[in-house]
């Protein structure tokens, strides 16, 4: 998902360079990485092992901001998607299917 940074007046930021970290809490905390798009937004990667309801905390330059709640659901693969993975990755399709089914 994408995080849009704002200044103290609520205006969208249009430059990057901030130190941004994201945590998912429930009761165990999981850290996540993000990619600075250098336009005031960050693309956050949800770790593939997460599933369920989490409180999201975004830390910008050392200051914690409550970003609200997030429900992470695994969607799985369709039969057609499984067949395509098996066709493209013979011999390793089982591992690829498990990896893709755990992706969010």
N, C-alpha and C. Protein backbone atom coordinates (compact mmCIF):
# COMPACT_ATOMS: atom_id res chain seq x y z
N UNK A 1 0.83 -1.17 0.00
CA UNK A 1 0.00 0.00 0.00
C UNK A 1 0.87 1.22 0.00
N UNK A 2 0.29 2.36 -0.29
CA UNK A 2 1.04 3.61 -0.41
C UNK A 2 0.75 4.51 0.78
N UNK A 3 1.80 5.13 1.32
CA UNK A 3 1.69 6.11 2.40
C UNK A 3 1.97 7.48 1.80
N UNK A 4 1.03 8.41 1.98
CA UNK A 4 1.20 9.79 1.53
C UNK A 4 1.59 10.65 2.73
N UNK A 5 2.78 11.24 2.69
CA UNK A 5 3.20 12.12 3.78
C UNK A 5 2.58 13.50 3.61
N UNK A 6 2.29 14.15 4.75
CA UNK A 6 1.71 15.49 4.76
C UNK A 6 2.51 16.37 5.71
N UNK A 7 2.48 17.67 5.47
CA UNK A 7 3.16 18.59 6.37
C UNK A 7 2.28 18.88 7.58
N UNK A 8 2.75 19.76 8.48
CA UNK A 8 2.02 20.02 9.72
C UNK A 8 0.68 20.70 9.49
N UNK A 9 0.44 21.22 8.29
CA UNK A 9 -0.84 21.86 7.96
C UNK A 9 -1.79 20.91 7.22
N UNK A 10 -1.33 19.67 6.99
CA UNK A 10 -2.17 18.70 6.30
C UNK A 10 -2.01 18.68 4.80
N UNK A 11 -1.08 19.48 4.27
CA UNK A 11 -0.84 19.52 2.83
C UNK A 11 0.04 18.34 2.41
N UNK A 12 -0.23 17.76 1.24
CA UNK A 12 0.59 16.66 0.73
C UNK A 12 2.02 17.12 0.53
N UNK A 13 2.96 16.26 0.94
CA UNK A 13 4.38 16.50 0.68
C UNK A 13 4.67 16.07 -0.75
N UNK A 14 5.58 16.79 -1.41
CA UNK A 14 5.90 16.48 -2.80
C UNK A 14 7.38 16.16 -3.01
N UNK A 15 8.09 15.84 -1.92
CA UNK A 15 9.49 15.45 -2.04
C UNK A 15 9.76 14.32 -1.07
N UNK A 16 10.81 13.56 -1.33
CA UNK A 16 11.15 12.41 -0.50
C UNK A 16 12.29 12.74 0.44
N UNK A 17 12.93 11.69 0.92
CA UNK A 17 14.10 11.85 1.77
C UNK A 17 13.84 11.66 3.25
N UNK A 18 12.58 11.48 3.66
CA UNK A 18 12.28 11.25 5.07
C UNK A 18 12.61 9.82 5.46
N UNK A 19 12.93 9.62 6.74
CA UNK A 19 13.17 8.29 7.27
C UNK A 19 11.83 7.72 7.69
N UNK A 20 11.29 6.78 6.90
CA UNK A 20 9.96 6.21 7.14
C UNK A 20 10.11 4.73 7.46
N UNK A 21 9.47 4.31 8.56
CA UNK A 21 9.41 2.90 8.94
C UNK A 21 7.96 2.56 9.22
N UNK A 22 7.59 1.31 9.02
CA UNK A 22 6.21 0.87 9.25
C UNK A 22 6.25 -0.37 10.13
N UNK A 23 5.35 -0.40 11.14
CA UNK A 23 5.20 -1.56 12.00
C UNK A 23 3.76 -2.04 11.94
N UNK A 24 3.60 -3.34 12.00
CA UNK A 24 2.29 -3.97 12.09
C UNK A 24 2.23 -4.61 13.47
N UNK A 25 1.28 -4.19 14.31
CA UNK A 25 1.21 -4.68 15.69
C UNK A 25 -0.04 -5.50 15.93
N UNK A 26 0.16 -6.64 16.63
CA UNK A 26 -0.95 -7.52 17.00
C UNK A 26 -0.44 -8.72 17.73
N UNK A 27 -0.45 -9.04 18.82
CA UNK A 27 0.36 -8.43 19.86
C UNK A 27 1.85 -8.47 19.53
N UNK A 28 2.26 -9.30 18.57
CA UNK A 28 3.66 -9.30 18.14
C UNK A 28 3.85 -8.25 17.07
N UNK A 29 4.96 -7.54 17.12
CA UNK A 29 5.22 -6.47 16.15
C UNK A 29 6.07 -7.00 15.00
N UNK A 30 5.66 -6.66 13.77
CA UNK A 30 6.40 -7.01 12.57
C UNK A 30 6.80 -5.72 11.86
N UNK A 31 8.09 -5.57 11.56
CA UNK A 31 8.59 -4.40 10.84
C UNK A 31 8.42 -4.63 9.34
N UNK A 32 8.32 -3.54 8.59
CA UNK A 32 8.23 -3.65 7.14
C UNK A 32 9.09 -2.59 6.49
N UNK A 33 9.49 -2.88 5.29
CA UNK A 33 10.27 -1.92 4.52
C UNK A 33 9.36 -1.16 3.56
N UNK A 34 9.89 -0.11 3.01
CA UNK A 34 9.15 0.67 2.04
C UNK A 34 10.10 1.26 1.02
N UNK A 35 9.54 1.76 -0.05
CA UNK A 35 10.33 2.37 -1.11
C UNK A 35 9.94 3.84 -1.22
N UNK A 36 10.92 4.73 -1.03
CA UNK A 36 10.69 6.16 -1.14
C UNK A 36 10.53 6.51 -2.62
N UNK A 37 9.34 7.00 -2.99
CA UNK A 37 9.08 7.38 -4.38
C UNK A 37 9.60 8.78 -4.70
N UNK A 38 10.21 9.45 -3.69
CA UNK A 38 10.78 10.79 -3.85
C UNK A 38 9.76 11.83 -4.30
N UNK A 39 8.49 11.59 -3.95
CA UNK A 39 7.44 12.56 -4.28
C UNK A 39 6.50 12.78 -3.10
N UNK A 40 6.98 12.40 -1.89
CA UNK A 40 6.15 12.51 -0.71
C UNK A 40 5.36 11.25 -0.41
N UNK A 41 5.53 10.21 -1.24
CA UNK A 41 4.85 8.95 -0.99
C UNK A 41 5.86 7.82 -0.82
N UNK A 42 5.42 6.77 -0.12
CA UNK A 42 6.21 5.57 0.09
C UNK A 42 5.35 4.37 -0.23
N UNK A 43 5.91 3.42 -0.97
CA UNK A 43 5.24 2.15 -1.21
C UNK A 43 5.68 1.21 -0.11
N UNK A 44 4.71 0.72 0.68
CA UNK A 44 5.00 -0.15 1.81
C UNK A 44 4.74 -1.60 1.42
N UNK A 45 5.66 -2.47 1.77
CA UNK A 45 5.53 -3.89 1.50
C UNK A 45 4.93 -4.56 2.74
N UNK A 46 3.81 -5.25 2.55
CA UNK A 46 3.20 -6.02 3.64
C UNK A 46 3.88 -7.38 3.64
N UNK A 47 4.55 -7.75 4.76
CA UNK A 47 5.24 -9.04 4.79
C UNK A 47 4.28 -10.19 4.48
N UNK A 48 4.71 -11.16 3.66
CA UNK A 48 3.82 -12.22 3.19
C UNK A 48 3.30 -13.13 4.29
N UNK A 49 3.98 -13.18 5.45
CA UNK A 49 3.51 -14.07 6.51
C UNK A 49 2.37 -13.49 7.33
N UNK A 50 2.02 -12.21 7.11
CA UNK A 50 0.96 -11.59 7.88
C UNK A 50 -0.41 -12.02 7.39
N UNK A 51 -1.30 -12.25 8.34
CA UNK A 51 -2.69 -12.51 8.04
C UNK A 51 -3.49 -12.15 9.28
N UNK A 52 -4.57 -11.42 9.11
CA UNK A 52 -5.40 -11.04 10.25
C UNK A 52 -5.50 -9.54 10.40
N UNK A 53 -5.91 -9.09 11.60
CA UNK A 53 -6.11 -7.67 11.88
C UNK A 53 -4.87 -7.11 12.57
N UNK A 54 -4.41 -5.97 12.08
CA UNK A 54 -3.21 -5.33 12.62
C UNK A 54 -3.45 -3.84 12.83
N UNK A 55 -2.77 -3.28 13.83
CA UNK A 55 -2.69 -1.84 14.01
C UNK A 55 -1.42 -1.42 13.26
N UNK A 56 -1.52 -0.40 12.42
CA UNK A 56 -0.39 0.05 11.62
C UNK A 56 0.17 1.32 12.22
N UNK A 57 1.47 1.31 12.50
CA UNK A 57 2.17 2.48 13.02
C UNK A 57 3.22 2.89 11.99
N UNK A 58 3.15 4.11 11.52
CA UNK A 58 4.14 4.65 10.59
C UNK A 58 5.02 5.62 11.37
N UNK A 59 6.32 5.42 11.30
CA UNK A 59 7.28 6.31 11.97
C UNK A 59 7.96 7.16 10.91
N UNK A 60 7.83 8.48 11.05
CA UNK A 60 8.45 9.41 10.11
C UNK A 60 9.46 10.25 10.89
N UNK A 61 10.73 10.12 10.51
CA UNK A 61 11.81 10.85 11.17
C UNK A 61 11.75 10.72 12.68
N UNK A 62 11.48 9.48 13.16
CA UNK A 62 11.48 9.19 14.58
C UNK A 62 10.17 9.44 15.31
N UNK A 63 9.16 9.99 14.65
CA UNK A 63 7.87 10.29 15.28
C UNK A 63 6.83 9.26 14.85
N UNK A 64 6.24 8.56 15.85
CA UNK A 64 5.21 7.56 15.57
C UNK A 64 3.88 8.21 15.22
N UNK A 65 3.25 7.70 14.15
CA UNK A 65 1.93 8.16 13.72
C UNK A 65 1.03 6.94 13.61
N UNK A 66 -0.14 7.00 14.24
CA UNK A 66 -1.10 5.90 14.17
C UNK A 66 -1.77 5.97 12.80
N UNK A 67 -1.54 4.95 11.97
CA UNK A 67 -2.12 4.93 10.62
C UNK A 67 -3.42 4.15 10.57
N UNK A 68 -3.89 3.67 11.72
CA UNK A 68 -5.16 2.97 11.74
C UNK A 68 -5.00 1.47 11.70
N UNK A 69 -6.07 0.79 11.34
CA UNK A 69 -6.11 -0.65 11.33
C UNK A 69 -6.06 -1.19 9.90
N UNK A 70 -5.55 -2.40 9.76
CA UNK A 70 -5.43 -3.04 8.46
C UNK A 70 -5.81 -4.51 8.62
N UNK A 71 -6.68 -5.00 7.74
CA UNK A 71 -7.03 -6.42 7.71
C UNK A 71 -6.30 -7.03 6.53
N UNK A 72 -5.47 -8.03 6.81
CA UNK A 72 -4.69 -8.70 5.77
C UNK A 72 -5.31 -10.07 5.54
N UNK A 73 -5.73 -10.31 4.31
CA UNK A 73 -6.33 -11.59 3.95
C UNK A 73 -5.54 -12.21 2.82
N UNK A 74 -5.34 -13.50 2.91
CA UNK A 74 -4.69 -14.22 1.82
C UNK A 74 -5.75 -14.59 0.80
N UNK A 75 -5.46 -14.31 -0.46
CA UNK A 75 -6.46 -14.55 -1.49
C UNK A 75 -6.30 -15.90 -2.19
N UNK A 76 -5.11 -16.48 -2.12
CA UNK A 76 -4.91 -17.76 -2.80
C UNK A 76 -4.84 -17.58 -4.31
N UNK A 77 -4.69 -18.67 -5.02
CA UNK A 77 -4.60 -18.66 -6.47
C UNK A 77 -5.82 -19.36 -7.06
N UNK A 78 -6.22 -18.91 -8.24
CA UNK A 78 -7.29 -19.60 -8.96
C UNK A 78 -6.71 -20.85 -9.61
N UNK A 79 -7.58 -21.73 -10.07
CA UNK A 79 -7.12 -22.95 -10.76
C UNK A 79 -6.32 -22.60 -12.00
N UNK A 80 -6.76 -21.57 -12.74
CA UNK A 80 -6.03 -21.16 -13.95
C UNK A 80 -4.64 -20.62 -13.59
N UNK A 81 -4.55 -19.87 -12.49
CA UNK A 81 -3.24 -19.34 -12.07
C UNK A 81 -2.32 -20.47 -11.65
N UNK A 82 -2.85 -21.45 -10.92
CA UNK A 82 -2.04 -22.61 -10.53
C UNK A 82 -1.52 -23.35 -11.76
N UNK A 83 -2.38 -23.56 -12.74
CA UNK A 83 -1.98 -24.25 -13.97
C UNK A 83 -0.87 -23.48 -14.69
N UNK A 84 -0.99 -22.17 -14.72
CA UNK A 84 0.03 -21.35 -15.38
C UNK A 84 1.37 -21.45 -14.65
N UNK A 85 1.35 -21.42 -13.32
CA UNK A 85 2.59 -21.57 -12.55
C UNK A 85 3.20 -22.93 -12.81
N UNK A 86 2.39 -23.98 -12.81
CA UNK A 86 2.90 -25.33 -13.08
C UNK A 86 3.50 -25.43 -14.48
N UNK A 87 2.91 -24.74 -15.45
CA UNK A 87 3.42 -24.75 -16.83
C UNK A 87 4.76 -24.01 -16.91
N UNK A 88 4.83 -22.86 -16.25
CA UNK A 88 6.03 -22.02 -16.36
C UNK A 88 7.19 -22.48 -15.48
N UNK A 89 6.88 -23.15 -14.37
CA UNK A 89 7.92 -23.53 -13.42
C UNK A 89 7.88 -25.04 -13.12
N UNK A 90 8.08 -25.88 -14.15
CA UNK A 90 8.05 -27.33 -13.90
C UNK A 90 9.18 -27.71 -12.94
N UNK A 91 8.84 -28.59 -12.03
CA UNK A 91 9.84 -29.04 -11.05
C UNK A 91 9.91 -28.19 -9.80
N UNK A 92 9.56 -26.92 -9.91
CA UNK A 92 9.58 -26.03 -8.73
C UNK A 92 8.22 -25.38 -8.52
N UNK A 93 7.21 -25.86 -9.21
CA UNK A 93 5.90 -25.21 -9.14
C UNK A 93 5.30 -25.24 -7.74
N UNK A 94 5.55 -26.32 -6.97
CA UNK A 94 5.00 -26.39 -5.61
C UNK A 94 5.52 -25.27 -4.74
N UNK A 95 6.81 -25.02 -4.81
CA UNK A 95 7.40 -23.93 -4.02
C UNK A 95 6.89 -22.57 -4.50
N UNK A 96 6.77 -22.41 -5.81
CA UNK A 96 6.28 -21.13 -6.34
C UNK A 96 4.82 -20.90 -5.93
N UNK A 97 4.01 -21.92 -5.95
CA UNK A 97 2.60 -21.79 -5.56
C UNK A 97 2.50 -21.39 -4.10
N UNK A 98 3.29 -22.04 -3.23
CA UNK A 98 3.26 -21.67 -1.80
C UNK A 98 3.69 -20.23 -1.62
N UNK A 99 4.72 -19.81 -2.33
CA UNK A 99 5.20 -18.42 -2.23
C UNK A 99 4.12 -17.45 -2.68
N UNK A 100 3.50 -17.71 -3.81
CA UNK A 100 2.47 -16.81 -4.34
C UNK A 100 1.21 -16.80 -3.46
N UNK A 101 0.85 -17.93 -2.90
CA UNK A 101 -0.33 -17.95 -2.05
C UNK A 101 -0.11 -17.21 -0.74
N UNK A 102 1.13 -17.05 -0.32
CA UNK A 102 1.42 -16.31 0.90
C UNK A 102 1.67 -14.83 0.63
N UNK A 103 1.72 -14.44 -0.64
CA UNK A 103 1.95 -13.04 -0.98
C UNK A 103 0.65 -12.26 -0.77
N UNK A 104 0.81 -10.97 -0.45
CA UNK A 104 -0.37 -10.12 -0.25
C UNK A 104 -0.32 -8.97 -1.21
